[in-house]
């Protein structure tokens, strides 16, 4: 395996993340956002983990950030618009990205979006995205349990 080629911007992210490591993921996230000078944080979450997204938003606000949050069903998208064989409320990661783009967030956080929905959210988000919680109902959101 050959060494990667890092831009100056890439190196800056690596240095800033090194200053925030060896802590809980939550504290690492807070410290990284502070070191980067982020003020406006976005949360895109699955409605199935709403209580965790709400708690995260509360903690981030207490830490001094301006927080914008949107769950996957807020747009009211009808599944039949995605696929004629489906019906009812549908997750809408493109609308989540559009909302947080409109809010001009500095940094966005994926809280439990489904795999494909997370990929689409990240693709359309204008701000960088990190994942805070990976949804895994089989293992109470502890994905490492799948490997044990």
C-alpha atoms as a PDB file:
ATOM      1  CA  UNK A   1       0.000   0.000   0.000  1.00  0.00           C
ATOM      2  CA  UNK A   2       1.398   3.380  -0.931  1.00  0.00           C
ATOM      3  CA  UNK A   3       1.245   6.532   1.146  1.00  0.00           C
ATOM      4  CA  UNK A   4      -1.670   8.892   0.466  1.00  0.00           C
ATOM      5  CA  UNK A   5      -1.217  12.331  -1.036  1.00  0.00           C
ATOM      6  CA  UNK A   6      -2.591  14.951   1.353  1.00  0.00           C
ATOM      7  CA  UNK A   7      -3.482  18.508   0.423  1.00  0.00           C
ATOM      8  CA  UNK A   8      -2.775  21.298   2.899  1.00  0.00           C
ATOM      9  CA  UNK A   9      -6.489  21.327   3.751  1.00  0.00           C
ATOM     10  CA  UNK A  10      -6.411  17.544   4.373  1.00  0.00           C
ATOM     11  CA  UNK A  11      -3.383  17.971   6.633  1.00  0.00           C
ATOM     12  CA  UNK A  12      -5.199  20.688   8.558  1.00  0.00           C
ATOM     13  CA  UNK A  13      -8.125  18.330   9.234  1.00  0.00           C
ATOM     14  CA  UNK A  14      -5.703  15.621  10.384  1.00  0.00           C
ATOM     15  CA  UNK A  15      -3.955  18.018  12.793  1.00  0.00           C
ATOM     16  CA  UNK A  16      -7.224  19.368  14.196  1.00  0.00           C
ATOM     17  CA  UNK A  17      -8.660  15.891  14.688  1.00  0.00           C
ATOM     18  CA  UNK A  18      -5.476  14.797  16.473  1.00  0.00           C
ATOM     19  CA  UNK A  19      -6.061  17.601  18.997  1.00  0.00           C
ATOM     20  CA  UNK A  20      -9.493  16.144  19.815  1.00  0.00           C
ATOM     21  CA  UNK A  21      -8.696  12.413  20.032  1.00  0.00           C
ATOM     22  CA  UNK A  22      -8.625   9.887  22.889  1.00  0.00           C
ATOM     23  CA  UNK A  23     -11.930  11.028  24.389  1.00  0.00           C
ATOM     24  CA  UNK A  24     -15.515   9.880  24.149  1.00  0.00           C
ATOM     25  CA  UNK A  25     -16.923  10.304  20.659  1.00  0.00           C
ATOM     26  CA  UNK A  26     -19.170  13.072  21.974  1.00  0.00           C
ATOM     27  CA  UNK A  27     -16.313  15.007  23.565  1.00  0.00           C
ATOM     28  CA  UNK A  28     -14.178  14.431  20.476  1.00  0.00           C
ATOM     29  CA  UNK A  29     -16.960  15.893  18.332  1.00  0.00           C
ATOM     30  CA  UNK A  30     -17.327  18.958  20.572  1.00  0.00           C
ATOM     31  CA  UNK A  31     -13.578  19.560  20.742  1.00  0.00           C
ATOM     32  CA  UNK A  32     -13.130  19.100  16.989  1.00  0.00           C
ATOM     33  CA  UNK A  33     -15.950  21.552  16.234  1.00  0.00           C
ATOM     34  CA  UNK A  34     -14.400  24.101  18.605  1.00  0.00           C
ATOM     35  CA  UNK A  35     -10.872  23.695  17.207  1.00  0.00           C
ATOM     36  CA  UNK A  36     -12.262  24.175  13.702  1.00  0.00           C
ATOM     37  CA  UNK A  37     -14.207  27.259  14.747  1.00  0.00           C
ATOM     38  CA  UNK A  38     -17.580  25.774  13.788  1.00  0.00           C
ATOM     39  CA  UNK A  39     -20.552  27.649  15.227  1.00  0.00           C
ATOM     40  CA  UNK A  40     -23.547  26.160  13.367  1.00  0.00           C
ATOM     41  CA  UNK A  41     -23.937  22.388  13.601  1.00  0.00           C
ATOM     42  CA  UNK A  42     -26.527  20.331  11.744  1.00  0.00           C
ATOM     43  CA  UNK A  43     -28.033  17.033  12.820  1.00  0.00           C
ATOM     44  CA  UNK A  44     -29.672  14.727  10.264  1.00  0.00           C
ATOM     45  CA  UNK A  45     -31.280  11.795  12.000  1.00  0.00           C
ATOM     46  CA  UNK A  46     -33.481   8.778  11.532  1.00  0.00           C
ATOM     47  CA  UNK A  47     -36.824   9.215  13.269  1.00  0.00           C
ATOM     48  CA  UNK A  48     -36.217   5.799  14.889  1.00  0.00           C
ATOM     49  CA  UNK A  49     -33.411   7.264  17.006  1.00  0.00           C
ATOM     50  CA  UNK A  50     -35.077  10.628  17.653  1.00  0.00           C
ATOM     51  CA  UNK A  51     -34.463  10.526  21.414  1.00  0.00           C
ATOM     52  CA  UNK A  52     -30.696  10.258  20.830  1.00  0.00           C
ATOM     53  CA  UNK A  53     -30.707  13.074  18.283  1.00  0.00           C
ATOM     54  CA  UNK A  54     -32.659  15.282  20.689  1.00  0.00           C
ATOM     55  CA  UNK A  55     -30.195  14.560  23.495  1.00  0.00           C
ATOM     56  CA  UNK A  56     -27.223  15.277  21.217  1.00  0.00           C
ATOM     57  CA  UNK A  57     -28.782  18.575  20.126  1.00  0.00           C
ATOM     58  CA  UNK A  58     -29.303  19.535  23.765  1.00  0.00           C
ATOM     59  CA  UNK A  59     -25.705  18.713  24.727  1.00  0.00           C
ATOM     60  CA  UNK A  60     -24.338  20.630  21.739  1.00  0.00           C
ATOM     61  CA  UNK A  61     -26.477  23.669  22.549  1.00  0.00           C
ATOM     62  CA  UNK A  62     -25.264  23.548  26.159  1.00  0.00           C
ATOM     63  CA  UNK A  63     -21.710  23.489  24.759  1.00  0.00           C
ATOM     64  CA  UNK A  64     -22.446  26.790  22.999  1.00  0.00           C
ATOM     65  CA  UNK A  65     -23.251  25.707  19.447  1.00  0.00           C
ATOM     66  CA  UNK A  66     -26.165  26.831  17.296  1.00  0.00           C
ATOM     67  CA  UNK A  67     -27.845  23.550  16.353  1.00  0.00           C
ATOM     68  CA  UNK A  68     -30.224  22.786  13.488  1.00  0.00           C
ATOM     69  CA  UNK A  69     -31.838  19.350  13.421  1.00  0.00           C
ATOM     70  CA  UNK A  70     -34.030  17.536  10.923  1.00  0.00           C
ATOM     71  CA  UNK A  71     -35.374  13.991  11.006  1.00  0.00           C
ATOM     72  CA  UNK A  72     -35.726  11.789   7.950  1.00  0.00           C
ATOM     73  CA  UNK A  73     -39.515  12.096   7.684  1.00  0.00           C
ATOM     74  CA  UNK A  74     -40.015  15.827   8.208  1.00  0.00           C
ATOM     75  CA  UNK A  75     -40.461  16.630   4.529  1.00  0.00           C
ATOM     76  CA  UNK A  76     -43.554  14.445   4.246  1.00  0.00           C
ATOM     77  CA  UNK A  77     -42.248  12.646   1.167  1.00  0.00           C
ATOM     78  CA  UNK A  78     -44.634   9.907   0.013  1.00  0.00           C
ATOM     79  CA  UNK A  79     -42.795   6.684  -0.814  1.00  0.00           C
ATOM     80  CA  UNK A  80     -44.754   6.249  -4.044  1.00  0.00           C
ATOM     81  CA  UNK A  81     -42.726   9.171  -5.463  1.00  0.00           C
ATOM     82  CA  UNK A  82     -39.605   7.008  -5.058  1.00  0.00           C
ATOM     83  CA  UNK A  83     -41.121   3.718  -6.160  1.00  0.00           C
ATOM     84  CA  UNK A  84     -44.662   3.026  -7.373  1.00  0.00           C
ATOM     85  CA  UNK A  85     -44.755  -0.222  -5.373  1.00  0.00           C
ATOM     86  CA  UNK A  86     -44.264   1.636  -2.080  1.00  0.00           C
ATOM     87  CA  UNK A  87     -46.632   3.891  -0.163  1.00  0.00           C
ATOM     88  CA  UNK A  88     -46.742   5.928   3.017  1.00  0.00           C
ATOM     89  CA  UNK A  89     -44.191   8.192   4.635  1.00  0.00           C
ATOM     90  CA  UNK A  90     -40.669   7.851   3.270  1.00  0.00           C
ATOM     91  CA  UNK A  91     -37.241   8.909   4.482  1.00  0.00           C
ATOM     92  CA  UNK A  92     -35.921  11.907   2.577  1.00  0.00           C
ATOM     93  CA  UNK A  93     -32.154  12.430   2.970  1.00  0.00           C
ATOM     94  CA  UNK A  94     -32.045  14.912   0.068  1.00  0.00           C
ATOM     95  CA  UNK A  95     -34.478  17.200   1.885  1.00  0.00           C
ATOM     96  CA  UNK A  96     -32.451  16.820   5.076  1.00  0.00           C
ATOM     97  CA  UNK A  97     -29.342  17.977   3.211  1.00  0.00           C
ATOM     98  CA  UNK A  98     -31.246  20.818   1.525  1.00  0.00           C
ATOM     99  CA  UNK A  99     -32.601  22.058   4.874  1.00  0.00           C
ATOM    100  CA  UNK A 100     -29.180  22.072   6.542  1.00  0.00           C
ATOM    101  CA  UNK A 101     -27.671  23.682   3.427  1.00  0.00           C
ATOM    102  CA  UNK A 102     -30.288  26.460   3.725  1.00  0.00           C
ATOM    103  CA  UNK A 103     -29.325  26.878   7.390  1.00  0.00           C
ATOM    104  CA  UNK A 104     -25.702  27.247   6.228  1.00  0.00           C
ATOM    105  CA  UNK A 105     -24.382  24.831   8.823  1.00  0.00           C
ATOM    106  CA  UNK A 106     -20.612  24.608   9.252  1.00  0.00           C
ATOM    107  CA  UNK A 107     -20.564  20.891  10.039  1.00  0.00           C
ATOM    108  CA  UNK A 108     -23.221  18.165   9.905  1.00  0.00           C
ATOM    109  CA  UNK A 109     -23.751  15.066  12.009  1.00  0.00           C
ATOM    110  CA  UNK A 110     -25.390  11.837  10.851  1.00  0.00           C
ATOM    111  CA  UNK A 111     -27.355  10.297  13.709  1.00  0.00           C
ATOM    112  CA  UNK A 112     -28.602   6.851  12.743  1.00  0.00           C
ATOM    113  CA  UNK A 113     -29.487   7.351   9.089  1.00  0.00           C
ATOM    114  CA  UNK A 114     -29.872   4.108   7.141  1.00  0.00           C
ATOM    115  CA  UNK A 115     -26.796   3.175   5.115  1.00  0.00           C
ATOM    116  CA  UNK A 116     -28.017   4.377   1.715  1.00  0.00           C
ATOM    117  CA  UNK A 117     -29.778   7.398   3.169  1.00  0.00           C
ATOM    118  CA  UNK A 118     -26.577   8.412   4.947  1.00  0.00           C
ATOM    119  CA  UNK A 119     -24.669   8.147   1.684  1.00  0.00           C
ATOM    120  CA  UNK A 120     -27.170  10.391  -0.092  1.00  0.00           C
ATOM    121  CA  UNK A 121     -27.239  12.875   2.777  1.00  0.00           C
ATOM    122  CA  UNK A 122     -23.453  13.104   2.724  1.00  0.00           C
ATOM    123  CA  UNK A 123     -23.406  13.453  -1.068  1.00  0.00           C
ATOM    124  CA  UNK A 124     -25.781  16.438  -1.049  1.00  0.00           C
ATOM    125  CA  UNK A 125     -24.621  18.136   2.147  1.00  0.00           C
ATOM    126  CA  UNK A 126     -22.572  21.261   1.446  1.00  0.00           C
ATOM    127  CA  UNK A 127     -20.895  20.980   4.855  1.00  0.00           C
ATOM    128  CA  UNK A 128     -18.618  18.115   5.842  1.00  0.00           C
ATOM    129  CA  UNK A 129     -20.421  15.226   7.555  1.00  0.00           C
ATOM    130  CA  UNK A 130     -19.411  12.927  10.382  1.00  0.00           C
ATOM    131  CA  UNK A 131     -21.334   9.987  11.782  1.00  0.00           C
ATOM    132  CA  UNK A 132     -22.141  10.021  15.477  1.00  0.00           C
ATOM    133  CA  UNK A 133     -24.483   7.033  15.747  1.00  0.00           C
ATOM    134  CA  UNK A 134     -24.827   4.048  13.451  1.00  0.00           C
ATOM    135  CA  UNK A 135     -28.321   2.593  13.684  1.00  0.00           C
ATOM    136  CA  UNK A 136     -28.325  -1.102  14.604  1.00  0.00           C
ATOM    137  CA  UNK A 137     -31.521  -2.169  16.337  1.00  0.00           C
ATOM    138  CA  UNK A 138     -30.324  -5.791  16.552  1.00  0.00           C
ATOM    139  CA  UNK A 139     -27.445  -4.769  18.828  1.00  0.00           C
ATOM    140  CA  UNK A 140     -28.863  -1.652  20.520  1.00  0.00           C
ATOM    141  CA  UNK A 141     -26.815   0.571  18.174  1.00  0.00           C
ATOM    142  CA  UNK A 142     -23.521  -1.048  19.177  1.00  0.00           C
ATOM    143  CA  UNK A 143     -22.336  -2.246  15.771  1.00  0.00           C
ATOM    144  CA  UNK A 144     -19.174  -3.804  17.217  1.00  0.00           C
ATOM    145  CA  UNK A 145     -21.385  -6.512  18.713  1.00  0.00           C
ATOM    146  CA  UNK A 146     -21.833  -7.854  15.166  1.00  0.00           C
ATOM    147  CA  UNK A 147     -18.146  -8.761  15.162  1.00  0.00           C
ATOM    148  CA  UNK A 148     -18.024 -10.502  18.519  1.00  0.00           C
END
